[in-house]
Protein backbone atom coordinates (compact mmCIF):
# COMPACT_ATOMS: atom_id res chain seq x y z
CA MET A 1 105.59 110.05 87.42
CA HIS A 2 102.88 109.80 84.72
CA ARG A 3 104.11 106.04 83.93
CA ARG A 4 103.92 105.12 87.67
CA THR A 5 100.32 106.66 87.92
CA LEU A 6 99.31 104.75 84.73
CA ALA A 7 100.64 101.57 85.84
CA GLY A 8 98.85 101.95 89.32
CA ALA A 9 95.68 102.74 87.87
CA GLY A 10 95.70 99.81 85.46
CA LEU A 11 96.48 97.39 88.44
CA ALA A 12 93.50 99.06 90.50
CA ALA A 13 91.14 98.82 87.56
CA VAL A 14 92.05 94.98 86.80
CA GLY A 15 91.61 94.15 90.54
CA LEU A 16 88.33 95.73 90.75
CA VAL A 17 87.08 93.95 87.71
CA LEU A 18 88.32 90.47 89.08
CA ALA A 19 86.93 91.19 92.52
CA GLY A 20 83.51 92.26 90.89
CA ILE A 21 83.47 88.69 88.79
CA GLN A 22 84.42 86.60 91.78
CA LEU A 23 81.39 88.13 93.52
CA VAL A 24 79.05 87.65 90.78
CA HIS A 25 80.36 84.00 90.01
CA ALA A 26 79.58 83.22 93.69
CA ILE A 27 76.17 84.47 93.34
CA GLN A 28 75.44 82.83 90.24
CA GLN A 29 76.65 79.18 91.76
CA THR A 30 74.53 79.37 95.09
CA ASP A 31 72.23 81.55 97.08
CA ILE A 32 73.32 80.16 100.51
CA PRO A 33 74.98 83.16 102.31
CA VAL A 34 77.64 81.03 104.06
CA ALA A 35 78.57 79.16 100.80
CA ILE A 36 78.81 82.70 98.71
CA ALA A 37 81.07 84.10 101.54
CA VAL A 38 83.37 80.82 101.51
CA ASP A 39 83.38 80.87 97.76
CA GLY A 40 83.64 84.54 96.70
CA VAL A 41 85.36 86.61 99.45
CA PRO A 42 88.71 85.05 99.51
CA PHE A 43 89.20 85.74 95.69
CA ALA A 44 87.28 88.91 95.80
CA ALA A 45 89.70 89.91 98.50
CA MET A 46 92.50 88.97 96.26
CA GLY A 47 91.07 91.35 93.70
CA LEU A 48 90.87 94.00 96.20
CA ALA A 49 94.53 93.51 97.18
CA LEU A 50 95.43 94.14 93.66
CA VAL A 51 93.63 97.44 93.98
CA TYR A 52 95.51 98.29 96.86
CA ALA A 53 98.75 97.32 95.36
CA GLY A 54 97.81 99.82 92.36
CA TYR A 55 97.12 102.35 94.76
CA ARG A 56 100.65 102.09 96.52
CA LEU A 57 102.02 101.78 93.30
CA ALA A 58 100.88 104.93 92.16
CA ARG A 59 101.25 106.88 95.30
CA ASP A 60 104.94 105.97 96.33
CA ASP A 61 107.55 107.49 94.65
CA ALA A 62 110.02 104.56 95.56
CA PHE A 63 108.56 102.80 92.61
CA GLU A 64 109.13 105.72 90.12
CA GLY A 65 111.38 103.65 88.00
CA THR A 66 110.49 100.13 88.48
CA ALA A 67 106.46 100.62 88.15
CA THR A 68 106.67 98.80 84.45
CA ARG A 69 108.58 95.98 85.98
CA VAL A 70 105.79 95.24 88.49
CA VAL A 71 103.27 95.37 85.78
CA VAL A 72 105.46 93.17 83.74
CA TRP A 73 105.84 90.62 86.57
CA GLY A 74 101.79 90.56 87.33
CA ALA A 75 101.32 90.01 83.37
CA GLY A 76 103.76 87.44 83.24
CA ALA A 77 102.64 85.30 86.08
CA THR A 78 98.86 85.80 84.83
CA VAL A 79 100.06 84.49 81.69
CA ALA A 80 101.88 81.27 83.37
CA PHE A 81 98.54 80.55 85.51
CA ALA A 82 96.34 81.03 82.55
CA ALA A 83 98.39 78.28 81.11
CA VAL A 84 98.10 76.34 83.95
CA ALA A 85 94.31 76.87 83.88
CA ALA A 86 94.35 75.78 80.06
CA LEU A 87 95.90 72.42 81.01
CA LEU A 88 93.46 71.80 83.95
CA LEU A 89 90.70 72.15 81.74
CA PHE A 90 92.15 69.97 78.83
CA SER A 91 92.82 67.42 81.49
CA GLN A 92 89.33 67.67 82.81
CA GLN A 93 87.88 67.48 79.06
CA VAL A 94 89.70 64.35 78.27
CA THR A 95 89.24 62.48 81.46
CA MET A 96 85.64 63.70 82.28
CA GLY A 97 84.17 64.75 79.20
CA SER A 98 83.07 68.01 80.50
CA LEU A 99 84.15 71.76 81.07
CA ASP A 100 81.87 72.12 84.02
CA ARG A 101 82.81 75.37 85.80
CA ALA A 102 85.36 76.43 83.18
CA ALA A 103 84.84 80.18 83.42
CA PHE A 104 84.59 79.96 87.42
CA LEU A 105 87.97 78.03 87.42
CA THR A 106 89.69 80.44 85.00
CA VAL A 107 88.79 83.53 86.76
CA ASP A 108 89.84 82.00 90.15
CA ILE A 109 93.14 80.85 88.64
CA LEU A 110 93.76 84.35 86.62
CA THR A 111 93.08 86.09 90.04
CA VAL A 112 95.61 83.97 91.92
CA GLY A 113 98.37 84.52 89.23
CA ALA A 114 97.75 88.28 89.03
CA LEU A 115 98.12 88.86 92.63
CA THR A 116 101.04 86.56 92.68
CA GLY A 117 102.78 88.45 89.92
CA VAL A 118 102.22 91.78 91.34
CA LEU A 119 103.64 90.70 94.89
CA VAL A 120 106.57 89.25 93.35
CA GLY A 121 107.07 92.39 91.30
CA LEU A 122 106.60 94.57 94.26
CA TYR A 123 109.29 92.52 96.01
CA ASP A 124 111.54 92.64 93.24
CA ALA A 125 111.14 96.44 92.71
CA GLN A 126 112.04 97.11 96.61
CA SER A 127 114.53 94.59 96.19
CA ARG A 128 116.38 96.57 93.75
CA GLN A 129 115.69 100.01 95.45
CA ARG A 130 117.26 98.90 98.25
CA LEU A 131 120.31 97.55 96.24
CA GLN A 132 120.37 100.90 94.56
CA GLU A 133 120.64 102.70 98.02
CA LEU A 134 123.40 100.24 99.28
CA GLU A 135 125.27 101.16 96.23
CA THR A 136 124.84 104.68 96.65
CA GLU A 137 125.76 104.61 100.19
CA ARG A 138 128.79 102.59 99.28
CA ASP A 139 129.74 105.14 96.76
CA ARG A 140 129.38 107.97 99.28
CA VAL A 141 131.40 106.00 102.23
CA GLU A 142 134.18 105.28 99.41
CA ALA A 143 134.24 109.09 98.19
CA PHE A 144 134.38 110.02 101.83
CA GLY A 145 137.11 107.83 102.48
CA ARG A 146 139.11 109.40 99.38
CA LYS A 147 138.32 112.62 100.70
CA ALA A 148 139.61 111.70 104.15
CA ALA A 149 142.81 110.76 102.70
CA ASP A 150 143.08 113.84 100.92
CA VAL A 151 142.50 115.69 104.26
CA ASN A 152 145.61 113.82 105.89
CA ASN A 153 147.86 114.88 103.08
CA TYR A 154 146.82 118.29 103.21
CA GLY A 155 147.38 118.11 106.93
CA ARG A 156 150.95 117.13 106.41
CA ALA A 157 151.38 119.75 103.81
CA ILE A 158 150.21 122.49 106.02
CA ALA A 159 152.06 121.12 108.82
CA THR A 160 155.40 121.89 106.97
CA ALA A 161 154.28 125.14 105.27
CA GLY A 162 156.76 127.97 106.05
CA SER A 163 154.54 130.84 105.33
CA ASP A 164 151.24 132.31 106.09
CA ASP A 165 150.66 132.49 102.28
CA ALA A 166 151.59 129.16 101.73
CA ILE A 167 149.15 127.76 104.23
CA ALA A 168 146.43 130.04 102.54
CA ALA A 169 147.25 128.39 99.31
CA TYR A 170 146.89 125.03 100.78
CA ILE A 171 143.50 125.78 102.30
CA THR A 172 142.37 126.97 98.99
CA GLU A 173 143.47 124.04 97.10
CA ALA A 174 141.92 121.83 99.83
CA ILE A 175 138.39 123.49 99.51
CA SER A 176 138.54 123.12 95.56
CA SER A 177 139.82 119.51 95.94
CA LEU A 178 137.59 118.46 98.74
CA MET A 179 134.30 120.32 97.93
CA GLY A 180 134.75 121.37 94.07
CA ILE A 181 134.50 125.09 95.25
CA ASP A 182 136.85 127.13 92.87
CA GLU A 183 136.10 130.71 94.60
CA THR A 184 137.92 130.90 98.06
CA ALA A 185 139.51 133.79 100.00
CA VAL A 186 141.93 133.52 102.83
CA LEU A 187 142.39 137.03 104.50
CA ARG A 188 143.12 138.90 107.68
CA VAL A 189 141.14 141.41 108.92
CA ARG A 190 141.63 144.30 111.89
CA ASP A 191 138.95 147.08 112.31
CA GLU A 192 138.74 148.49 108.74
CA GLU A 193 141.92 146.76 107.26
CA ALA A 194 141.88 143.49 105.22
CA GLU A 195 144.89 141.75 104.04
CA LEU A 196 144.31 138.87 101.27
CA LEU A 197 146.46 135.96 101.64
CA SER A 198 144.75 134.09 98.97
CA ASN A 199 142.05 135.13 96.56
CA THR A 200 140.24 133.20 93.70
CA VAL A 201 136.78 134.72 94.22
CA ARG A 202 135.46 136.12 90.99
CA THR A 203 131.86 136.55 91.87
CA ALA A 204 132.35 139.30 94.43
CA GLY A 205 135.05 142.08 94.73
CA ALA A 206 137.57 142.12 97.42
CA GLU A 207 135.96 144.61 99.48
CA GLN A 208 132.92 142.85 99.75
CA VAL A 209 134.91 139.45 100.58
CA ALA A 210 136.59 141.75 103.31
CA GLU A 211 133.42 142.94 104.71
CA LEU A 212 131.92 139.45 105.08
CA ALA A 213 135.06 138.57 106.61
CA ARG A 214 134.56 141.33 109.10
CA ALA A 215 131.00 140.13 109.54
CA VAL A 216 131.68 136.61 110.76
CA ARG A 217 134.70 137.22 112.72
CA ASP A 218 132.98 136.50 116.00
CA GLU A 219 132.27 133.03 114.79
CA PRO A 220 133.52 130.05 117.07
CA ARG A 221 136.92 129.66 115.88
CA GLY A 222 137.50 126.50 113.88
CA ASP A 223 133.73 125.83 112.70
CA VAL A 224 132.58 125.85 109.17
CA VAL A 225 129.45 127.96 108.85
CA ALA A 226 127.09 127.54 105.77
CA HIS A 227 125.30 130.60 105.22
CA GLY A 228 123.20 129.46 102.11
CA ARG A 229 121.89 132.01 99.92
CA ALA A 230 121.58 134.79 102.70
CA PRO A 231 125.19 135.57 103.93
CA PRO A 232 125.47 138.59 106.19
CA VAL A 233 126.89 140.66 103.26
CA GLU A 234 125.15 139.95 99.68
CA LEU A 235 127.92 138.76 97.26
CA GLY A 236 125.86 138.39 94.32
CA GLU A 237 122.54 136.24 92.60
CA THR A 238 124.69 133.69 91.41
CA VAL A 239 125.66 132.59 94.86
CA SER A 240 124.23 129.53 96.04
CA ASP A 241 126.10 129.00 99.41
CA VAL A 242 128.91 130.74 101.26
CA LEU A 243 131.07 128.99 103.58
CA THR A 244 132.88 131.01 106.47
CA ALA A 245 135.64 129.67 108.92
CA VAL A 246 137.61 131.77 111.63
CA VAL A 247 141.35 130.04 111.53
CA THR A 248 142.70 132.19 113.98
CA GLU A 249 142.45 135.40 116.38
CA ARG A 250 145.65 137.07 117.55
CA ASP A 251 146.30 140.55 118.67
CA GLU A 252 142.77 141.81 117.35
CA THR A 253 143.58 140.29 113.85
CA THR A 254 141.27 137.52 112.84
CA THR A 255 142.29 135.36 109.93
CA VAL A 256 139.05 133.91 107.94
CA VAL A 257 138.29 131.49 105.15
CA VAL A 258 135.53 132.57 102.54
CA ALA A 259 134.29 130.11 100.24
CA VAL A 260 131.67 130.76 97.65
CA GLU A 261 129.70 128.27 95.80
CA THR A 262 128.11 129.22 92.73
CA SER A 263 127.08 125.65 91.20
CA GLY A 264 123.25 126.07 92.35
CA THR A 265 123.66 123.48 95.14
CA ALA A 266 124.08 123.53 98.83
CA THR A 267 127.30 122.31 100.40
CA ASP A 268 127.25 118.88 102.03
CA GLU A 269 127.67 118.59 105.75
CA HIS A 270 130.20 115.59 105.57
CA ASP A 271 132.31 117.93 103.46
CA ARG A 272 132.36 120.84 105.81
CA LYS A 273 133.31 118.62 108.77
CA LEU A 274 136.04 117.46 106.52
CA LEU A 275 137.19 121.07 105.77
CA GLU A 276 136.92 121.76 109.61
CA LEU A 277 140.02 119.30 110.07
CA VAL A 278 141.90 121.29 107.46
CA VAL A 279 141.25 124.48 109.02
CA ALA A 280 142.33 123.02 112.53
CA HIS A 281 145.79 122.13 110.82
CA ALA A 282 145.97 125.65 109.44
CA THR A 283 145.17 126.92 113.08
CA VAL A 284 147.87 124.83 114.71
CA ARG A 285 150.44 125.81 112.06
CA LEU A 286 149.46 129.45 111.96
CA ASP A 287 149.83 129.75 115.74
CA ARG A 288 153.22 128.01 115.59
CA LEU A 289 154.48 130.23 113.03
CA ALA A 290 153.63 133.35 115.05
CA ALA A 291 155.14 131.95 118.08
CA GLN A 292 158.47 131.63 116.22
CA PRO A 293 161.14 134.40 116.78
CA ALA A 294 161.24 136.93 114.16
């Protein structure tokens, strides 16, 4: 942030200086108002455009990593245009034997060069930012595609599972693989009773997890709900998010999934949607197993 602010302030200062010099030069060359406006205002406006560019550079977070590049573009173009000015003045000296208006011409060309370079730099910075955003989006889509393929694999595994415990184990593995959450419990709750089918939660005790499962048993079946840092039951200070999902409800017994995130970040909505697909597969399989004759 300090570098971006410094770069923006530098550009603004240069713009103010150039705009001031342009107005002074216009007044020095003539005292006719129209001539001053025609000769000085356009170049002074270019200087003020540099001031605005510097202000935008300092205020816009999008240029956090590219502020130096914008300044380099501006400096490079200024040097290039200064070389053009030197060639023009040399040609004028050789052909006409005079350097009349040399200072005025030089400042005009430097102003144009500085503005041109900064504009190109801003465009380059925005293009790179857009490219980075596209690459990030591409990576996100690819990662989502891989996770979606994993959901299909877990769905097939759950569909052939032969017991409730096996289904619970697949759910726990899916949450770990898809969301990177290693603390998951799958349990059945009925009144004050609780049966753990699978439990890898280390942050909280089994009683706390069961109490949380009873607290969320009335949630819509199949929905994955993120409770953030304030779940219905306190599980510990290290918890950054808690996910719960009701898998089945049968004979006043509810199967609930509880996932505890302790990495310090909130869970992603897209990952929760994928987890809902896993829960849906588990719901179908548990219902089928319950319907089979004993």
